[in-house]
């Protein structure tokens, strides 16, 4: 099942004895682990990882139950697939105790195979796949987290928070904690700008955006020097930035929708989308292709270790891009 279906299971307070969480969003896997732990209120929690997993130890933690009818939770966190045989043994072990639960958190990417291995399949409620949250999902997470802390953030404020933290939910939740301690109950976009510090990625994105708008490379050089950012990482980020310009421009050239949802498959805060729309209109497909080729050649040269003065080489690359 998916997250929304499992939310209904949580609301019913009927947690299955065995559960598997898997999918693209490790953040949500960990988040829902905490939800389950909170609902079960286990007195004993046994956690195993790839490096210390042992079938007999895991089995013994749940097969005998707990003393004094306390609740036991077995948690296995693994990037490698646990064998079908082991999983069946562990699930069957739950039959020996009414107060034991088993939660298997799979952090690998072989989703299809691992889902088939988790038994009993016929119940259909024992595995949950978590996808990376989209823009609307992140908005809802922020709204609910703020509500739990008795604070209210305007829609513009929520969008600004998402942008400043580059849609990173872990960073966003950390900022909500900071906002809650700020003491103000109703916050707007300006409040968020005053309280929340932009993530490094967003700062870099802004400087790169400024560079492509103005062709003034000095601020970008100063920024990576001040923040001690590796030139290779900056070039890789620029490649991603220009690739998005290419996607927007290509969609426009083909007469297709050129909004972020259609082009990138995700929504962006309105002001961010406007910036990207303005950027791709400044360049033709031919110019974007030339910039990408130049960036990739520079990245290859950096990674090959053939660059002496990195700052000088990086500056010359930016000057060359500015002339395209």
C-alpha atoms as a PDB file:
ATOM      1  CA  UNK A   1       0.000   0.000   0.000  1.00  0.00           C
ATOM      2  CA  UNK A   2       0.991   3.633  -0.136  1.00  0.00           C
ATOM      3  CA  UNK A   3       1.445   6.318   2.479  1.00  0.00           C
ATOM      4  CA  UNK A   4      -2.138   7.612   2.464  1.00  0.00           C
ATOM      5  CA  UNK A   5      -3.540   4.115   2.881  1.00  0.00           C
ATOM      6  CA  UNK A   6      -1.198   3.459   5.764  1.00  0.00           C
ATOM      7  CA  UNK A   7      -2.251   6.745   7.369  1.00  0.00           C
ATOM      8  CA  UNK A   8      -5.750   5.241   7.573  1.00  0.00           C
ATOM      9  CA  UNK A   9      -4.295   2.145   9.252  1.00  0.00           C
ATOM     10  CA  UNK A  10      -2.558   4.377  11.801  1.00  0.00           C
ATOM     11  CA  UNK A  11      -5.776   6.262  12.470  1.00  0.00           C
ATOM     12  CA  UNK A  12      -7.541   2.963  13.094  1.00  0.00           C
ATOM     13  CA  UNK A  13      -4.832   2.140  15.663  1.00  0.00           C
ATOM     14  CA  UNK A  14      -4.690  -1.419  14.350  1.00  0.00           C
ATOM     15  CA  UNK A  15      -0.994  -1.825  13.612  1.00  0.00           C
ATOM     16  CA  UNK A  16      -0.150  -5.050  11.730  1.00  0.00           C
ATOM     17  CA  UNK A  17       2.141  -7.412  13.615  1.00  0.00           C
ATOM     18  CA  UNK A  18       4.654  -7.375  10.759  1.00  0.00           C
ATOM     19  CA  UNK A  19       5.440  -4.411   8.514  1.00  0.00           C
ATOM     20  CA  UNK A  20       7.921  -3.533   5.808  1.00  0.00           C
ATOM     21  CA  UNK A  21       8.729   0.057   4.799  1.00  0.00           C
ATOM     22  CA  UNK A  22      10.588   0.701   1.534  1.00  0.00           C
ATOM     23  CA  UNK A  23      10.751   3.210  -1.304  1.00  0.00           C
ATOM     24  CA  UNK A  24      12.519   6.289  -2.582  1.00  0.00           C
ATOM     25  CA  UNK A  25      12.068   8.472   0.507  1.00  0.00           C
ATOM     26  CA  UNK A  26      14.312   7.361   3.355  1.00  0.00           C
ATOM     27  CA  UNK A  27      13.126  10.384   5.305  1.00  0.00           C
ATOM     28  CA  UNK A  28       9.533   9.133   5.278  1.00  0.00           C
ATOM     29  CA  UNK A  29      10.640   5.596   6.154  1.00  0.00           C
ATOM     30  CA  UNK A  30      12.342   6.940   9.281  1.00  0.00           C
ATOM     31  CA  UNK A  31       9.480   9.307  10.032  1.00  0.00           C
ATOM     32  CA  UNK A  32       6.879   6.530   9.945  1.00  0.00           C
ATOM     33  CA  UNK A  33       9.099   4.295  12.039  1.00  0.00           C
ATOM     34  CA  UNK A  34       8.778   6.901  14.800  1.00  0.00           C
ATOM     35  CA  UNK A  35       4.998   7.013  14.312  1.00  0.00           C
ATOM     36  CA  UNK A  36       4.727   3.239  14.684  1.00  0.00           C
ATOM     37  CA  UNK A  37       7.031   3.214  17.722  1.00  0.00           C
ATOM     38  CA  UNK A  38       4.911   5.902  19.323  1.00  0.00           C
ATOM     39  CA  UNK A  39       1.672   3.974  18.732  1.00  0.00           C
ATOM     40  CA  UNK A  40       3.018   0.610  19.864  1.00  0.00           C
ATOM     41  CA  UNK A  41       4.749   2.120  22.923  1.00  0.00           C
ATOM     42  CA  UNK A  42       7.125  -0.831  23.043  1.00  0.00           C
ATOM     43  CA  UNK A  43       8.964  -1.410  26.292  1.00  0.00           C
ATOM     44  CA  UNK A  44      11.726  -3.297  24.489  1.00  0.00           C
ATOM     45  CA  UNK A  45      13.012  -2.271  21.044  1.00  0.00           C
ATOM     46  CA  UNK A  46      15.652  -4.432  19.377  1.00  0.00           C
ATOM     47  CA  UNK A  47      17.320  -2.817  16.330  1.00  0.00           C
ATOM     48  CA  UNK A  48      19.583  -4.644  13.870  1.00  0.00           C
ATOM     49  CA  UNK A  49      21.552  -3.234  10.922  1.00  0.00           C
ATOM     50  CA  UNK A  50      23.295  -4.844   7.938  1.00  0.00           C
ATOM     51  CA  UNK A  51      26.547  -5.219   9.844  1.00  0.00           C
ATOM     52  CA  UNK A  52      25.128  -6.852  12.984  1.00  0.00           C
ATOM     53  CA  UNK A  53      22.042  -8.695  11.726  1.00  0.00           C
ATOM     54  CA  UNK A  54      21.829 -12.299  12.893  1.00  0.00           C
ATOM     55  CA  UNK A  55      18.745 -14.452  12.371  1.00  0.00           C
ATOM     56  CA  UNK A  56      18.928 -16.266  15.685  1.00  0.00           C
ATOM     57  CA  UNK A  57      19.410 -13.076  17.693  1.00  0.00           C
ATOM     58  CA  UNK A  58      16.600 -11.327  15.837  1.00  0.00           C
ATOM     59  CA  UNK A  59      14.297 -14.304  16.228  1.00  0.00           C
ATOM     60  CA  UNK A  60      14.956 -14.685  19.950  1.00  0.00           C
ATOM     61  CA  UNK A  61      14.051 -11.047  20.568  1.00  0.00           C
ATOM     62  CA  UNK A  62      10.444 -11.622  19.495  1.00  0.00           C
ATOM     63  CA  UNK A  63       9.709 -15.349  19.662  1.00  0.00           C
ATOM     64  CA  UNK A  64       9.569 -15.580  23.452  1.00  0.00           C
ATOM     65  CA  UNK A  65       7.650 -12.378  24.062  1.00  0.00           C
ATOM     66  CA  UNK A  66       8.503  -9.997  26.907  1.00  0.00           C
ATOM     67  CA  UNK A  67       8.316 -10.451  30.645  1.00  0.00           C
ATOM     68  CA  UNK A  68       5.248  -9.101  32.445  1.00  0.00           C
ATOM     69  CA  UNK A  69       3.318  -8.846  29.129  1.00  0.00           C
ATOM     70  CA  UNK A  70       5.369  -5.854  27.953  1.00  0.00           C
ATOM     71  CA  UNK A  71       5.424  -5.066  24.226  1.00  0.00           C
ATOM     72  CA  UNK A  72       8.477  -5.883  22.103  1.00  0.00           C
ATOM     73  CA  UNK A  73       9.407  -4.377  18.742  1.00  0.00           C
ATOM     74  CA  UNK A  74      12.022  -5.858  16.421  1.00  0.00           C
ATOM     75  CA  UNK A  75      13.407  -3.367  13.869  1.00  0.00           C
ATOM     76  CA  UNK A  76      15.735  -4.393  11.037  1.00  0.00           C
ATOM     77  CA  UNK A  77      17.323  -1.580   8.997  1.00  0.00           C
ATOM     78  CA  UNK A  78      18.989  -2.849   5.863  1.00  0.00           C
ATOM     79  CA  UNK A  79      20.214  -1.750   2.449  1.00  0.00           C
ATOM     80  CA  UNK A  80      20.576  -5.411   1.506  1.00  0.00           C
ATOM     81  CA  UNK A  81      17.591  -7.662   0.964  1.00  0.00           C
ATOM     82  CA  UNK A  82      16.933 -10.081   3.826  1.00  0.00           C
ATOM     83  CA  UNK A  83      16.375 -13.609   2.492  1.00  0.00           C
ATOM     84  CA  UNK A  84      12.792 -14.824   2.035  1.00  0.00           C
ATOM     85  CA  UNK A  85      13.541 -17.721   4.359  1.00  0.00           C
ATOM     86  CA  UNK A  86      14.659 -15.397   7.166  1.00  0.00           C
ATOM     87  CA  UNK A  87      11.661 -13.129   6.732  1.00  0.00           C
ATOM     88  CA  UNK A  88       9.239 -16.044   6.907  1.00  0.00           C
ATOM     89  CA  UNK A  89      10.905 -17.364  10.068  1.00  0.00           C
ATOM     90  CA  UNK A  90      10.760 -13.949  11.742  1.00  0.00           C
ATOM     91  CA  UNK A  91       7.118 -13.383  10.794  1.00  0.00           C
ATOM     92  CA  UNK A  92       6.165 -16.868  11.994  1.00  0.00           C
ATOM     93  CA  UNK A  93       7.937 -16.159  15.285  1.00  0.00           C
ATOM     94  CA  UNK A  94       5.372 -13.473  16.030  1.00  0.00           C
ATOM     95  CA  UNK A  95       2.766 -16.202  16.514  1.00  0.00           C
ATOM     96  CA  UNK A  96       4.385 -17.128  19.811  1.00  0.00           C
ATOM     97  CA  UNK A  97       3.638 -13.765  21.378  1.00  0.00           C
ATOM     98  CA  UNK A  98       0.661 -11.429  21.284  1.00  0.00           C
ATOM     99  CA  UNK A  99       2.843  -8.501  22.309  1.00  0.00           C
ATOM    100  CA  UNK A 100       5.621  -8.666  19.698  1.00  0.00           C
ATOM    101  CA  UNK A 101       5.949  -6.684  16.464  1.00  0.00           C
ATOM    102  CA  UNK A 102       8.387  -6.823  13.559  1.00  0.00           C
ATOM    103  CA  UNK A 103       9.284  -3.833  11.359  1.00  0.00           C
ATOM    104  CA  UNK A 104      11.621  -4.308   8.387  1.00  0.00           C
ATOM    105  CA  UNK A 105      13.035  -1.058   6.943  1.00  0.00           C
ATOM    106  CA  UNK A 106      14.530  -1.662   3.516  1.00  0.00           C
ATOM    107  CA  UNK A 107      16.724   1.202   2.259  1.00  0.00           C
ATOM    108  CA  UNK A 108      17.837  -0.438  -0.981  1.00  0.00           C
ATOM    109  CA  UNK A 109      16.380   0.160  -4.448  1.00  0.00           C
ATOM    110  CA  UNK A 110      15.290  -3.352  -5.527  1.00  0.00           C
ATOM    111  CA  UNK A 111      11.679  -2.476  -4.718  1.00  0.00           C
ATOM    112  CA  UNK A 112       9.866  -5.021  -6.863  1.00  0.00           C
ATOM    113  CA  UNK A 113      11.789  -8.029  -5.636  1.00  0.00           C
ATOM    114  CA  UNK A 114      11.756  -7.082  -1.964  1.00  0.00           C
ATOM    115  CA  UNK A 115       8.012  -6.397  -1.959  1.00  0.00           C
ATOM    116  CA  UNK A 116       7.284  -9.858  -3.332  1.00  0.00           C
ATOM    117  CA  UNK A 117       9.349 -11.471  -0.589  1.00  0.00           C
ATOM    118  CA  UNK A 118       7.468  -9.991   2.350  1.00  0.00           C
ATOM    119  CA  UNK A 119       4.774 -12.328   3.635  1.00  0.00           C
ATOM    120  CA  UNK A 120       1.869 -12.742   4.050  1.00  0.00           C
ATOM    121  CA  UNK A 121       1.122 -11.134   0.695  1.00  0.00           C
ATOM    122  CA  UNK A 122      -2.612 -11.833   0.785  1.00  0.00           C
ATOM    123  CA  UNK A 123      -3.251  -9.376   3.616  1.00  0.00           C
ATOM    124  CA  UNK A 124      -2.126  -6.432   1.527  1.00  0.00           C
ATOM    125  CA  UNK A 125      -1.474  -4.218   4.548  1.00  0.00           C
ATOM    126  CA  UNK A 126       1.936  -5.400   5.614  1.00  0.00           C
ATOM    127  CA  UNK A 127       4.183  -3.370   3.294  1.00  0.00           C
ATOM    128  CA  UNK A 128       4.222   0.359   2.620  1.00  0.00           C
ATOM    129  CA  UNK A 129       6.056   2.095  -0.215  1.00  0.00           C
ATOM    130  CA  UNK A 130       7.087   5.706   0.321  1.00  0.00           C
ATOM    131  CA  UNK A 131       7.720   7.964  -2.664  1.00  0.00           C
ATOM    132  CA  UNK A 132       9.667  11.205  -2.487  1.00  0.00           C
ATOM    133  CA  UNK A 133       7.127  13.839  -1.427  1.00  0.00           C
ATOM    134  CA  UNK A 134       6.095  16.296  -4.116  1.00  0.00           C
ATOM    135  CA  UNK A 135       5.662  20.022  -3.591  1.00  0.00           C
ATOM    136  CA  UNK A 136       2.089  19.691  -2.315  1.00  0.00           C
ATOM    137  CA  UNK A 137       3.100  16.856   0.057  1.00  0.00           C
ATOM    138  CA  UNK A 138       5.856  19.030   1.518  1.00  0.00           C
ATOM    139  CA  UNK A 139       3.397  21.896   1.962  1.00  0.00           C
ATOM    140  CA  UNK A 140       1.065  19.584   3.891  1.00  0.00           C
ATOM    141  CA  UNK A 141       3.911  18.284   6.068  1.00  0.00           C
ATOM    142  CA  UNK A 142       4.873  21.856   6.973  1.00  0.00           C
ATOM    143  CA  UNK A 143       1.257  22.785   7.685  1.00  0.00           C
ATOM    144  CA  UNK A 144       0.738  19.778   9.967  1.00  0.00           C
ATOM    145  CA  UNK A 145       4.064  20.202  11.782  1.00  0.00           C
ATOM    146  CA  UNK A 146       3.322  23.883  12.389  1.00  0.00           C
ATOM    147  CA  UNK A 147      -0.181  23.053  13.598  1.00  0.00           C
ATOM    148  CA  UNK A 148       1.190  20.535  16.112  1.00  0.00           C
ATOM    149  CA  UNK A 149       3.406  23.305  17.497  1.00  0.00           C
ATOM    150  CA  UNK A 150       0.497  25.746  17.660  1.00  0.00           C
ATOM    151  CA  UNK A 151       1.890  28.081  15.004  1.00  0.00           C
ATOM    152  CA  UNK A 152       0.444  29.199  11.691  1.00  0.00           C
ATOM    153  CA  UNK A 153       2.480  29.978   8.574  1.00  0.00           C
ATOM    154  CA  UNK A 154       0.925  31.741   5.595  1.00  0.00           C
ATOM    155  CA  UNK A 155       0.940  30.004   2.208  1.00  0.00           C
ATOM    156  CA  UNK A 156       3.597  32.419   0.926  1.00  0.00           C
ATOM    157  CA  UNK A 157       5.599  31.708   4.057  1.00  0.00           C
ATOM    158  CA  UNK A 158       5.383  27.944   3.505  1.00  0.00           C
ATOM    159  CA  UNK A 159       6.506  28.333  -0.111  1.00  0.00           C
ATOM    160  CA  UNK A 160       9.392  30.539   0.990  1.00  0.00           C
ATOM    161  CA  UNK A 161      10.472  27.989   3.600  1.00  0.00           C
ATOM    162  CA  UNK A 162      10.471  25.223   0.973  1.00  0.00           C
ATOM    163  CA  UNK A 163      12.567  27.356  -1.360  1.00  0.00           C
ATOM    164  CA  UNK A 164      15.088  28.435   1.288  1.00  0.00           C
ATOM    165  CA  UNK A 165      15.718  24.824   2.286  1.00  0.00           C
ATOM    166  CA  UNK A 166      15.687  23.508  -1.290  1.00  0.00           C
ATOM    167  CA  UNK A 167      12.747  21.144  -0.524  1.00  0.00           C
ATOM    168  CA  UNK A 168      14.897  19.248   2.001  1.00  0.00           C
ATOM    169  CA  UNK A 169      12.333  18.067   4.549  1.00  0.00           C
ATOM    170  CA  UNK A 170      14.888  17.314   7.265  1.00  0.00           C
ATOM    171  CA  UNK A 171      16.200  20.873   7.067  1.00  0.00           C
ATOM    172  CA  UNK A 172      12.656  22.235   6.887  1.00  0.00           C
ATOM    173  CA  UNK A 173      11.591  20.425  10.068  1.00  0.00           C
ATOM    174  CA  UNK A 174      14.676  21.738  11.823  1.00  0.00           C
ATOM    175  CA  UNK A 175      13.723  25.268  10.807  1.00  0.00           C
ATOM    176  CA  UNK A 176      10.143  24.737  12.044  1.00  0.00           C
ATOM    177  CA  UNK A 177      11.588  23.890  15.460  1.00  0.00           C
ATOM    178  CA  UNK A 178      13.547  27.136  15.330  1.00  0.00           C
ATOM    179  CA  UNK A 179      10.434  29.034  14.227  1.00  0.00           C
ATOM    180  CA  UNK A 180       8.414  27.541  17.104  1.00  0.00           C
ATOM    181  CA  UNK A 181      11.028  28.781  19.574  1.00  0.00           C
ATOM    182  CA  UNK A 182      10.869  32.240  18.025  1.00  0.00           C
ATOM    183  CA  UNK A 183       7.690  32.931  19.981  1.00  0.00           C
ATOM    184  CA  UNK A 184       5.489  34.242  17.175  1.00  0.00           C
ATOM    185  CA  UNK A 185       2.287  32.335  16.437  1.00  0.00           C
ATOM    186  CA  UNK A 186       1.371  33.742  13.008  1.00  0.00           C
ATOM    187  CA  UNK A 187       4.126  34.063  10.439  1.00  0.00           C
ATOM    188  CA  UNK A 188       4.190  35.399   6.890  1.00  0.00           C
ATOM    189  CA  UNK A 189       6.782  35.357   4.123  1.00  0.00           C
ATOM    190  CA  UNK A 190       8.726  38.275   5.603  1.00  0.00           C
ATOM    191  CA  UNK A 191       8.931  36.538   8.984  1.00  0.00           C
ATOM    192  CA  UNK A 192      10.319  33.415   7.328  1.00  0.00           C
ATOM    193  CA  UNK A 193      12.937  35.484   5.496  1.00  0.00           C
ATOM    194  CA  UNK A 194      13.997  37.065   8.793  1.00  0.00           C
ATOM    195  CA  UNK A 195      14.163  33.803  10.755  1.00  0.00           C
ATOM    196  CA  UNK A 196      15.259  31.128   8.287  1.00  0.00           C
ATOM    197  CA  UNK A 197      18.747  30.941   6.840  1.00  0.00           C
ATOM    198  CA  UNK A 198      18.949  29.685   3.250  1.00  0.00           C
ATOM    199  CA  UNK A 199      20.605  26.326   2.673  1.00  0.00           C
ATOM    200  CA  UNK A 200      23.989  26.255   0.992  1.00  0.00           C
ATOM    201  CA  UNK A 201      22.444  24.866  -2.190  1.00  0.00           C
ATOM    202  CA  UNK A 202      19.959  27.713  -2.384  1.00  0.00           C
ATOM    203  CA  UNK A 203      22.660  30.313  -1.838  1.00  0.00           C
ATOM    204  CA  UNK A 204      24.719  28.709  -4.584  1.00  0.00           C
ATOM    205  CA  UNK A 205      21.646  28.536  -6.820  1.00  0.00           C
ATOM    206  CA  UNK A 206      21.045  32.260  -6.300  1.00  0.00           C
ATOM    207  CA  UNK A 207      24.654  33.149  -7.136  1.00  0.00           C
ATOM    208  CA  UNK A 208      24.611  30.970 -10.254  1.00  0.00           C
ATOM    209  CA  UNK A 209      21.298  32.515 -11.253  1.00  0.00           C
ATOM    210  CA  UNK A 210      22.825  35.991 -10.793  1.00  0.00           C
ATOM    211  CA  UNK A 211      25.831  34.978 -12.898  1.00  0.00           C
ATOM    212  CA  UNK A 212      23.705  33.817 -15.833  1.00  0.00           C
ATOM    213  CA  UNK A 213      21.594  36.954 -15.593  1.00  0.00           C
ATOM    214  CA  UNK A 214      24.435  39.450 -15.375  1.00  0.00           C
ATOM    215  CA  UNK A 215      27.443  37.496 -16.713  1.00  0.00           C
ATOM    216  CA  UNK A 216      29.309  38.980 -13.741  1.00  0.00           C
ATOM    217  CA  UNK A 217      31.404  36.089 -12.424  1.00  0.00           C
ATOM    218  CA  UNK A 218      33.159  37.867  -9.539  1.00  0.00           C
ATOM    219  CA  UNK A 219      30.373  37.198  -7.011  1.00  0.00           C
ATOM    220  CA  UNK A 220      30.380  33.489  -7.841  1.00  0.00           C
ATOM    221  CA  UNK A 221      34.177  33.323  -7.361  1.00  0.00           C
ATOM    222  CA  UNK A 222      33.926  35.209  -4.059  1.00  0.00           C
ATOM    223  CA  UNK A 223      31.094  32.973  -2.849  1.00  0.00           C
ATOM    224  CA  UNK A 224      32.811  29.625  -3.436  1.00  0.00           C
ATOM    225  CA  UNK A 225      35.982  31.039  -1.892  1.00  0.00           C
ATOM    226  CA  UNK A 226      34.144  32.358   1.184  1.00  0.00           C
ATOM    227  CA  UNK A 227      32.162  29.138   1.666  1.00  0.00           C
ATOM    228  CA  UNK A 228      35.149  26.957   0.750  1.00  0.00           C
ATOM    229  CA  UNK A 229      33.063  25.155  -1.903  1.00  0.00           C
ATOM    230  CA  UNK A 230      34.881  22.772  -4.219  1.00  0.00           C
ATOM    231  CA  UNK A 231      35.051  23.956  -7.835  1.00  0.00           C
ATOM    232  CA  UNK A 232      34.097  20.522  -9.162  1.00  0.00           C
ATOM    233  CA  UNK A 233      30.945  20.527  -7.046  1.00  0.00           C
ATOM    234  CA  UNK A 234      30.117  24.025  -8.305  1.00  0.00           C
ATOM    235  CA  UNK A 235      30.557  22.954 -11.921  1.00  0.00           C
ATOM    236  CA  UNK A 236      28.384  19.872 -11.341  1.00  0.00           C
ATOM    237  CA  UNK A 237      25.711  22.122  -9.872  1.00  0.00           C
ATOM    238  CA  UNK A 238      25.992  24.470 -12.855  1.00  0.00           C
ATOM    239  CA  UNK A 239      25.589  21.497 -15.212  1.00  0.00           C
ATOM    240  CA  UNK A 240      22.348  20.573 -13.459  1.00  0.00           C
ATOM    241  CA  UNK A 241      21.226  24.222 -13.582  1.00  0.00           C
ATOM    242  CA  UNK A 242      21.885  24.476 -17.351  1.00  0.00           C
ATOM    243  CA  UNK A 243      20.336  21.068 -18.045  1.00  0.00           C
ATOM    244  CA  UNK A 244      17.097  22.386 -16.575  1.00  0.00           C
ATOM    245  CA  UNK A 245      17.340  25.431 -18.858  1.00  0.00           C
ATOM    246  CA  UNK A 246      17.719  23.006 -21.755  1.00  0.00           C
ATOM    247  CA  UNK A 247      14.591  21.084 -20.723  1.00  0.00           C
ATOM    248  CA  UNK A 248      12.525  24.274 -20.450  1.00  0.00           C
ATOM    249  CA  UNK A 249      13.804  25.620 -23.777  1.00  0.00           C
ATOM    250  CA  UNK A 250      13.264  22.283 -25.542  1.00  0.00           C
ATOM    251  CA  UNK A 251       9.666  22.095 -24.328  1.00  0.00           C
ATOM    252  CA  UNK A 252       9.074  25.625 -25.626  1.00  0.00           C
ATOM    253  CA  UNK A 253      10.660  24.831 -29.007  1.00  0.00           C
ATOM    254  CA  UNK A 254       8.381  21.779 -29.364  1.00  0.00           C
ATOM    255  CA  UNK A 255       5.309  23.825 -28.514  1.00  0.00           C
ATOM    256  CA  UNK A 256       4.728  21.921 -25.271  1.00  0.00           C
ATOM    257  CA  UNK A 257       3.866  23.256 -21.823  1.00  0.00           C
ATOM    258  CA  UNK A 258       6.913  24.917 -20.314  1.00  0.00           C
ATOM    259  CA  UNK A 259       5.773  25.101 -16.685  1.00  0.00           C
ATOM    260  CA  UNK A 260       7.894  23.388 -14.016  1.00  0.00           C
ATOM    261  CA  UNK A 261       5.407  20.580 -13.338  1.00  0.00           C
ATOM    262  CA  UNK A 262       5.285  19.620 -17.029  1.00  0.00           C
ATOM    263  CA  UNK A 263       9.034  19.979 -17.613  1.00  0.00           C
ATOM    264  CA  UNK A 264      10.613  18.842 -14.351  1.00  0.00           C
ATOM    265  CA  UNK A 265       7.793  16.703 -12.978  1.00  0.00           C
ATOM    266  CA  UNK A 266       7.554  18.771  -9.803  1.00  0.00           C
ATOM    267  CA  UNK A 267       6.073  22.070  -8.709  1.00  0.00           C
ATOM    268  CA  UNK A 268       8.300  24.952  -7.691  1.00  0.00           C
ATOM    269  CA  UNK A 269       7.556  28.024  -5.566  1.00  0.00           C
ATOM    270  CA  UNK A 270       6.077  30.664  -7.924  1.00  0.00           C
ATOM    271  CA  UNK A 271       9.037  33.076  -7.705  1.00  0.00           C
ATOM    272  CA  UNK A 272      11.534  30.277  -8.373  1.00  0.00           C
ATOM    273  CA  UNK A 273       9.617  29.123 -11.419  1.00  0.00           C
ATOM    274  CA  UNK A 274       9.480  32.707 -12.673  1.00  0.00           C
ATOM    275  CA  UNK A 275      13.280  32.989 -12.375  1.00  0.00           C
ATOM    276  CA  UNK A 276      13.767  29.787 -14.353  1.00  0.00           C
ATOM    277  CA  UNK A 277      11.295  30.926 -17.001  1.00  0.00           C
ATOM    278  CA  UNK A 278      13.194  34.194 -17.392  1.00  0.00           C
ATOM    279  CA  UNK A 279      16.521  32.381 -17.618  1.00  0.00           C
ATOM    280  CA  UNK A 280      15.756  29.919 -20.399  1.00  0.00           C
ATOM    281  CA  UNK A 281      14.297  32.698 -22.527  1.00  0.00           C
ATOM    282  CA  UNK A 282      17.714  34.399 -22.543  1.00  0.00           C
ATOM    283  CA  UNK A 283      19.385  31.522 -24.372  1.00  0.00           C
ATOM    284  CA  UNK A 284      18.786  29.605 -27.565  1.00  0.00           C
ATOM    285  CA  UNK A 285      19.112  25.828 -27.631  1.00  0.00           C
ATOM    286  CA  UNK A 286      22.393  26.217 -29.505  1.00  0.00           C
ATOM    287  CA  UNK A 287      23.802  28.501 -26.792  1.00  0.00           C
ATOM    288  CA  UNK A 288      22.682  26.148 -24.019  1.00  0.00           C
ATOM    289  CA  UNK A 289      24.312  23.200 -25.784  1.00  0.00           C
ATOM    290  CA  UNK A 290      27.605  25.108 -26.125  1.00  0.00           C
ATOM    291  CA  UNK A 291      27.524  26.049 -22.418  1.00  0.00           C
ATOM    292  CA  UNK A 292      26.882  22.430 -21.415  1.00  0.00           C
ATOM    293  CA  UNK A 293      29.762  21.163 -23.554  1.00  0.00           C
ATOM    294  CA  UNK A 294      32.115  23.757 -22.073  1.00  0.00           C
ATOM    295  CA  UNK A 295      31.042  22.892 -18.504  1.00  0.00           C
ATOM    296  CA  UNK A 296      31.434  19.153 -19.067  1.00  0.00           C
ATOM    297  CA  UNK A 297      34.908  19.582 -20.563  1.00  0.00           C
ATOM    298  CA  UNK A 298      35.918  21.720 -17.587  1.00  0.00           C
ATOM    299  CA  UNK A 299      34.495  19.164 -15.156  1.00  0.00           C
ATOM    300  CA  UNK A 300      36.430  16.356 -16.863  1.00  0.00           C
ATOM    301  CA  UNK A 301      39.661  18.351 -16.727  1.00  0.00           C
ATOM    302  CA  UNK A 302      39.178  19.100 -13.032  1.00  0.00           C
ATOM    303  CA  UNK A 303      38.502  15.450 -12.217  1.00  0.00           C
ATOM    304  CA  UNK A 304      41.502  14.298 -14.230  1.00  0.00           C
ATOM    305  CA  UNK A 305      43.773  16.322 -11.934  1.00  0.00           C
ATOM    306  CA  UNK A 306      45.236  18.318 -14.822  1.00  0.00           C
ATOM    307  CA  UNK A 307      44.287  21.728 -13.425  1.00  0.00           C
ATOM    308  CA  UNK A 308      47.031  23.719 -11.723  1.00  0.00           C
ATOM    309  CA  UNK A 309      45.588  27.014 -10.491  1.00  0.00           C
ATOM    310  CA  UNK A 310      41.953  26.021  -9.902  1.00  0.00           C
ATOM    311  CA  UNK A 311      40.656  29.538  -9.279  1.00  0.00           C
ATOM    312  CA  UNK A 312      42.277  30.887 -12.433  1.00  0.00           C
ATOM    313  CA  UNK A 313      40.981  27.992 -14.544  1.00  0.00           C
ATOM    314  CA  UNK A 314      37.490  28.308 -13.060  1.00  0.00           C
ATOM    315  CA  UNK A 315      37.446  32.082 -13.698  1.00  0.00           C
ATOM    316  CA  UNK A 316      38.527  31.580 -17.303  1.00  0.00           C
ATOM    317  CA  UNK A 317      35.746  29.028 -17.783  1.00  0.00           C
ATOM    318  CA  UNK A 318      33.168  31.545 -16.500  1.00  0.00           C
ATOM    319  CA  UNK A 319      34.529  34.216 -18.833  1.00  0.00           C
ATOM    320  CA  UNK A 320      34.245  31.816 -21.780  1.00  0.00           C
ATOM    321  CA  UNK A 321      30.624  31.013 -20.880  1.00  0.00           C
ATOM    322  CA  UNK A 322      29.851  34.738 -20.633  1.00  0.00           C
ATOM    323  CA  UNK A 323      30.981  35.199 -24.244  1.00  0.00           C
ATOM    324  CA  UNK A 324      28.601  32.583 -25.626  1.00  0.00           C
END
